[in-house]
Amino acid sequence: MKILLVCTGNTCRSPMAEGILKRLLPDCDISSAGIATQDGLSASENALLAMSEIGIDISAHKSRRISGDDAQNSDLILCMTRGHKMFFNNVKGNTFTLGEFAGVDEEVSDPYGAELDEYRACRDQLQRLLEIIAEKIKTQE
């Protein structure tokens, strides 16, 4: 299964989500991208720190902008917010917010530029949602 995680800049939320989901679903092809970013940016320093606290290294991450092929070639697209989801026309019916796919009504706020505690809170929210999502995917396979 090919899963794409989407946020705005691909330096905070989606790289953290990618790291977590790769741990939870090691047999899936998991990547991330941003709607409004440039290619080649590193994950933010606080994203690196927050993830290292749970033993996940995202230091090799480089941002990339979403391409048309990404949407076409993904089995599942998971977005941080409803705004990100609206970017896709969802013709394949495979685009959801993380909260929506996990069965809860919540979005993942952008911690960009915030203190480390906000990154930790974002990481913990991602972990909680992605654990639900991973179990759902495992039961569908």
C-alpha atoms as a PDB file:
ATOM      1  CA  MET A   1       0.000   0.000   0.000  1.00  0.00           C
ATOM      2  CA  LYS A   2       1.318   3.451  -0.942  1.00  0.00           C
ATOM      3  CA  ILE A   3       0.435   6.173   1.605  1.00  0.00           C
ATOM      4  CA  LEU A   4       1.091   9.899   1.175  1.00  0.00           C
ATOM      5  CA  LEU A   5       1.030  12.270   4.172  1.00  0.00           C
ATOM      6  CA  VAL A   6       0.346  15.914   3.362  1.00  0.00           C
ATOM      7  CA  CYS A   7       0.833  19.232   5.146  1.00  0.00           C
ATOM      8  CA  THR A   8       1.772  22.741   4.094  1.00  0.00           C
ATOM      9  CA  GLY A   9       5.559  23.007   4.178  1.00  0.00           C
ATOM     10  CA  ASN A  10       6.646  19.370   4.600  1.00  0.00           C
ATOM     11  CA  THR A  11       9.070  20.342   7.367  1.00  0.00           C
ATOM     12  CA  CYS A  12       7.028  19.670  10.548  1.00  0.00           C
ATOM     13  CA  ARG A  13       3.789  17.677  10.622  1.00  0.00           C
ATOM     14  CA  SER A  14       4.033  15.402   7.599  1.00  0.00           C
ATOM     15  CA  PRO A  15       7.686  14.394   8.170  1.00  0.00           C
ATOM     16  CA  MET A  16       6.854  13.569  11.804  1.00  0.00           C
ATOM     17  CA  ALA A  17       3.802  11.606  10.658  1.00  0.00           C
ATOM     18  CA  GLU A  18       5.877   9.818   8.027  1.00  0.00           C
ATOM     19  CA  GLY A  19       8.429   8.749  10.653  1.00  0.00           C
ATOM     20  CA  ILE A  20       5.738   7.468  13.000  1.00  0.00           C
ATOM     21  CA  LEU A  21       3.768   5.632  10.315  1.00  0.00           C
ATOM     22  CA  LYS A  22       6.901   3.984   8.913  1.00  0.00           C
ATOM     23  CA  ARG A  23       7.467   2.510  12.367  1.00  0.00           C
ATOM     24  CA  LEU A  24       3.833   1.377  12.653  1.00  0.00           C
ATOM     25  CA  LEU A  25       3.494   0.023   9.092  1.00  0.00           C
ATOM     26  CA  PRO A  26       6.984  -1.058   7.987  1.00  0.00           C
ATOM     27  CA  ASP A  27       5.651  -2.998   4.994  1.00  0.00           C
ATOM     28  CA  CYS A  28       3.893   0.000   3.436  1.00  0.00           C
ATOM     29  CA  ASP A  29       5.393   2.569   1.060  1.00  0.00           C
ATOM     30  CA  ILE A  30       5.042   5.794   3.063  1.00  0.00           C
ATOM     31  CA  SER A  31       6.080   9.270   1.977  1.00  0.00           C
ATOM     32  CA  SER A  32       5.215  12.887   2.665  1.00  0.00           C
ATOM     33  CA  ALA A  33       4.918  16.103   0.710  1.00  0.00           C
ATOM     34  CA  GLY A  34       3.810  19.703   1.090  1.00  0.00           C
ATOM     35  CA  ILE A  35       1.288  21.827  -0.736  1.00  0.00           C
ATOM     36  CA  ALA A  36       3.270  25.074  -0.408  1.00  0.00           C
ATOM     37  CA  THR A  37       6.951  24.286  -0.059  1.00  0.00           C
ATOM     38  CA  GLN A  38      10.148  24.148  -1.983  1.00  0.00           C
ATOM     39  CA  ASP A  39      12.109  20.982  -2.540  1.00  0.00           C
ATOM     40  CA  GLY A  40      15.080  20.153  -0.352  1.00  0.00           C
ATOM     41  CA  LEU A  41      14.362  21.796   3.018  1.00  0.00           C
ATOM     42  CA  SER A  42      15.304  19.883   6.162  1.00  0.00           C
ATOM     43  CA  ALA A  43      12.779  19.025   8.837  1.00  0.00           C
ATOM     44  CA  SER A  44      12.548  21.813  11.411  1.00  0.00           C
ATOM     45  CA  GLU A  45      14.882  21.628  14.402  1.00  0.00           C
ATOM     46  CA  ASN A  46      12.040  21.151  16.896  1.00  0.00           C
ATOM     47  CA  ALA A  47      10.493  18.407  14.748  1.00  0.00           C
ATOM     48  CA  LEU A  48      13.862  16.622  14.805  1.00  0.00           C
ATOM     49  CA  LEU A  49      14.097  17.019  18.592  1.00  0.00           C
ATOM     50  CA  ALA A  50      10.516  15.922  19.290  1.00  0.00           C
ATOM     51  CA  MET A  51      10.925  12.825  17.149  1.00  0.00           C
ATOM     52  CA  SER A  52      14.325  11.915  18.589  1.00  0.00           C
ATOM     53  CA  GLU A  53      12.670  11.817  22.026  1.00  0.00           C
ATOM     54  CA  ILE A  54      10.634   8.812  20.856  1.00  0.00           C
ATOM     55  CA  GLY A  55      13.516   7.169  19.028  1.00  0.00           C
ATOM     56  CA  ILE A  56      12.633   8.184  15.479  1.00  0.00           C
ATOM     57  CA  ASP A  57      15.306   9.855  13.343  1.00  0.00           C
ATOM     58  CA  ILE A  58      13.949  12.119  10.599  1.00  0.00           C
ATOM     59  CA  SER A  59      17.245  13.977  10.053  1.00  0.00           C
ATOM     60  CA  ALA A  60      17.564  12.690   6.474  1.00  0.00           C
ATOM     61  CA  HIS A  61      14.180  14.187   5.508  1.00  0.00           C
ATOM     62  CA  LYS A  62      14.099  16.700   2.647  1.00  0.00           C
ATOM     63  CA  SER A  63      10.905  18.555   1.813  1.00  0.00           C
ATOM     64  CA  ARG A  64       9.203  18.145  -1.521  1.00  0.00           C
ATOM     65  CA  ARG A  65       6.259  19.734  -3.205  1.00  0.00           C
ATOM     66  CA  ILE A  66       3.294  17.570  -4.162  1.00  0.00           C
ATOM     67  CA  SER A  67       3.164  16.570  -7.803  1.00  0.00           C
ATOM     68  CA  GLY A  68       0.229  15.328  -9.868  1.00  0.00           C
ATOM     69  CA  ASP A  69       1.835  11.891  -9.883  1.00  0.00           C
ATOM     70  CA  ASP A  70       1.727  11.771  -6.080  1.00  0.00           C
ATOM     71  CA  ALA A  71      -2.058  11.940  -6.012  1.00  0.00           C
ATOM     72  CA  GLN A  72      -2.427   9.579  -8.950  1.00  0.00           C
ATOM     73  CA  ASN A  73      -0.045   6.934  -7.594  1.00  0.00           C
ATOM     74  CA  SER A  74      -1.110   6.911  -3.930  1.00  0.00           C
ATOM     75  CA  ASP A  75      -3.523   4.364  -2.527  1.00  0.00           C
ATOM     76  CA  LEU A  76      -4.264   6.598   0.459  1.00  0.00           C
ATOM     77  CA  ILE A  77      -3.683  10.328   0.992  1.00  0.00           C
ATOM     78  CA  LEU A  78      -3.806  11.535   4.589  1.00  0.00           C
ATOM     79  CA  CYS A  79      -3.924  15.290   5.147  1.00  0.00           C
ATOM     80  CA  MET A  80      -3.374  17.280   8.325  1.00  0.00           C
ATOM     81  CA  THR A  81      -6.364  19.612   7.793  1.00  0.00           C
ATOM     82  CA  ARG A  82      -9.550  19.949   5.774  1.00  0.00           C
ATOM     83  CA  GLY A  83      -7.823  22.772   3.892  1.00  0.00           C
ATOM     84  CA  HIS A  84      -5.122  20.390   2.721  1.00  0.00           C
ATOM     85  CA  LYS A  85      -7.744  17.841   1.727  1.00  0.00           C
ATOM     86  CA  MET A  86      -9.506  20.454  -0.429  1.00  0.00           C
ATOM     87  CA  PHE A  87      -6.302  20.704  -2.493  1.00  0.00           C
ATOM     88  CA  PHE A  88      -7.150  17.305  -3.993  1.00  0.00           C
ATOM     89  CA  ASN A  89     -10.217  16.669  -6.125  1.00  0.00           C
ATOM     90  CA  ASN A  90     -10.511  13.232  -4.472  1.00  0.00           C
ATOM     91  CA  VAL A  91     -11.673  11.537  -7.660  1.00  0.00           C
ATOM     92  CA  LYS A  92     -10.376   8.201  -6.371  1.00  0.00           C
ATOM     93  CA  GLY A  93     -12.108   8.655  -2.993  1.00  0.00           C
ATOM     94  CA  ASN A  94      -8.807   8.001  -1.230  1.00  0.00           C
ATOM     95  CA  THR A  95      -8.149  11.382   0.399  1.00  0.00           C
ATOM     96  CA  PHE A  96      -8.935  12.016   4.068  1.00  0.00           C
ATOM     97  CA  THR A  97      -7.778  14.098   6.982  1.00  0.00           C
ATOM     98  CA  LEU A  98      -5.963  12.060   9.606  1.00  0.00           C
ATOM     99  CA  GLY A  99      -8.801  12.723  12.042  1.00  0.00           C
ATOM    100  CA  GLU A 100     -11.443  11.729   9.522  1.00  0.00           C
ATOM    101  CA  PHE A 101      -9.717   8.441   8.674  1.00  0.00           C
ATOM    102  CA  ALA A 102      -9.165   7.730  12.380  1.00  0.00           C
ATOM    103  CA  GLY A 103     -12.858   8.395  13.072  1.00  0.00           C
ATOM    104  CA  VAL A 104     -12.468  11.581  15.123  1.00  0.00           C
ATOM    105  CA  ASP A 105     -13.317  15.197  14.362  1.00  0.00           C
ATOM    106  CA  GLU A 106      -9.973  16.913  14.723  1.00  0.00           C
ATOM    107  CA  GLU A 107      -7.258  18.501  12.646  1.00  0.00           C
ATOM    108  CA  VAL A 108      -3.519  18.608  13.262  1.00  0.00           C
ATOM    109  CA  SER A 109      -2.391  22.203  13.867  1.00  0.00           C
ATOM    110  CA  ASP A 110       0.891  23.465  12.465  1.00  0.00           C
ATOM    111  CA  PRO A 111       3.579  23.916  15.147  1.00  0.00           C
ATOM    112  CA  TYR A 112       5.912  25.751  12.735  1.00  0.00           C
ATOM    113  CA  GLY A 113       7.966  28.349  14.584  1.00  0.00           C
ATOM    114  CA  ALA A 114       6.598  27.329  17.989  1.00  0.00           C
ATOM    115  CA  GLU A 115       8.388  26.128  21.105  1.00  0.00           C
ATOM    116  CA  LEU A 116       9.381  22.493  21.515  1.00  0.00           C
ATOM    117  CA  ASP A 117       6.354  21.767  23.736  1.00  0.00           C
ATOM    118  CA  GLU A 118       3.998  22.495  20.814  1.00  0.00           C
ATOM    119  CA  TYR A 119       5.975  20.101  18.626  1.00  0.00           C
ATOM    120  CA  ARG A 120       5.700  17.464  21.331  1.00  0.00           C
ATOM    121  CA  ALA A 121       1.937  17.989  21.520  1.00  0.00           C
ATOM    122  CA  CYS A 122       1.713  17.708  17.714  1.00  0.00           C
ATOM    123  CA  ARG A 123       3.861  14.561  17.767  1.00  0.00           C
ATOM    124  CA  ASP A 124       1.687  13.005  20.451  1.00  0.00           C
ATOM    125  CA  GLN A 125      -1.497  13.821  18.530  1.00  0.00           C
ATOM    126  CA  LEU A 126       0.016  12.323  15.370  1.00  0.00           C
ATOM    127  CA  GLN A 127       1.076   9.214  17.291  1.00  0.00           C
ATOM    128  CA  ARG A 128      -2.430   8.743  18.699  1.00  0.00           C
ATOM    129  CA  LEU A 129      -4.177   9.221  15.343  1.00  0.00           C
ATOM    130  CA  LEU A 130      -1.679   7.130  13.401  1.00  0.00           C
ATOM    131  CA  GLU A 131      -1.937   4.209  15.825  1.00  0.00           C
ATOM    132  CA  ILE A 132      -5.686   4.115  15.127  1.00  0.00           C
ATOM    133  CA  ILE A 133      -5.063   4.450  11.383  1.00  0.00           C
ATOM    134  CA  ALA A 134      -2.392   1.725  11.355  1.00  0.00           C
ATOM    135  CA  GLU A 135      -4.740  -0.718  13.080  1.00  0.00           C
ATOM    136  CA  LYS A 136      -7.485   0.127  10.599  1.00  0.00           C
ATOM    137  CA  ILE A 137      -5.148  -0.465   7.657  1.00  0.00           C
ATOM    138  CA  LYS A 138      -3.854  -3.746   9.108  1.00  0.00           C
ATOM    139  CA  THR A 139      -7.402  -5.095   9.422  1.00  0.00           C
ATOM    140  CA  GLN A 140      -8.202  -4.098   5.807  1.00  0.00           C
ATOM    141  CA  GLU A 141      -5.204  -5.893   4.311  1.00  0.00           C
END
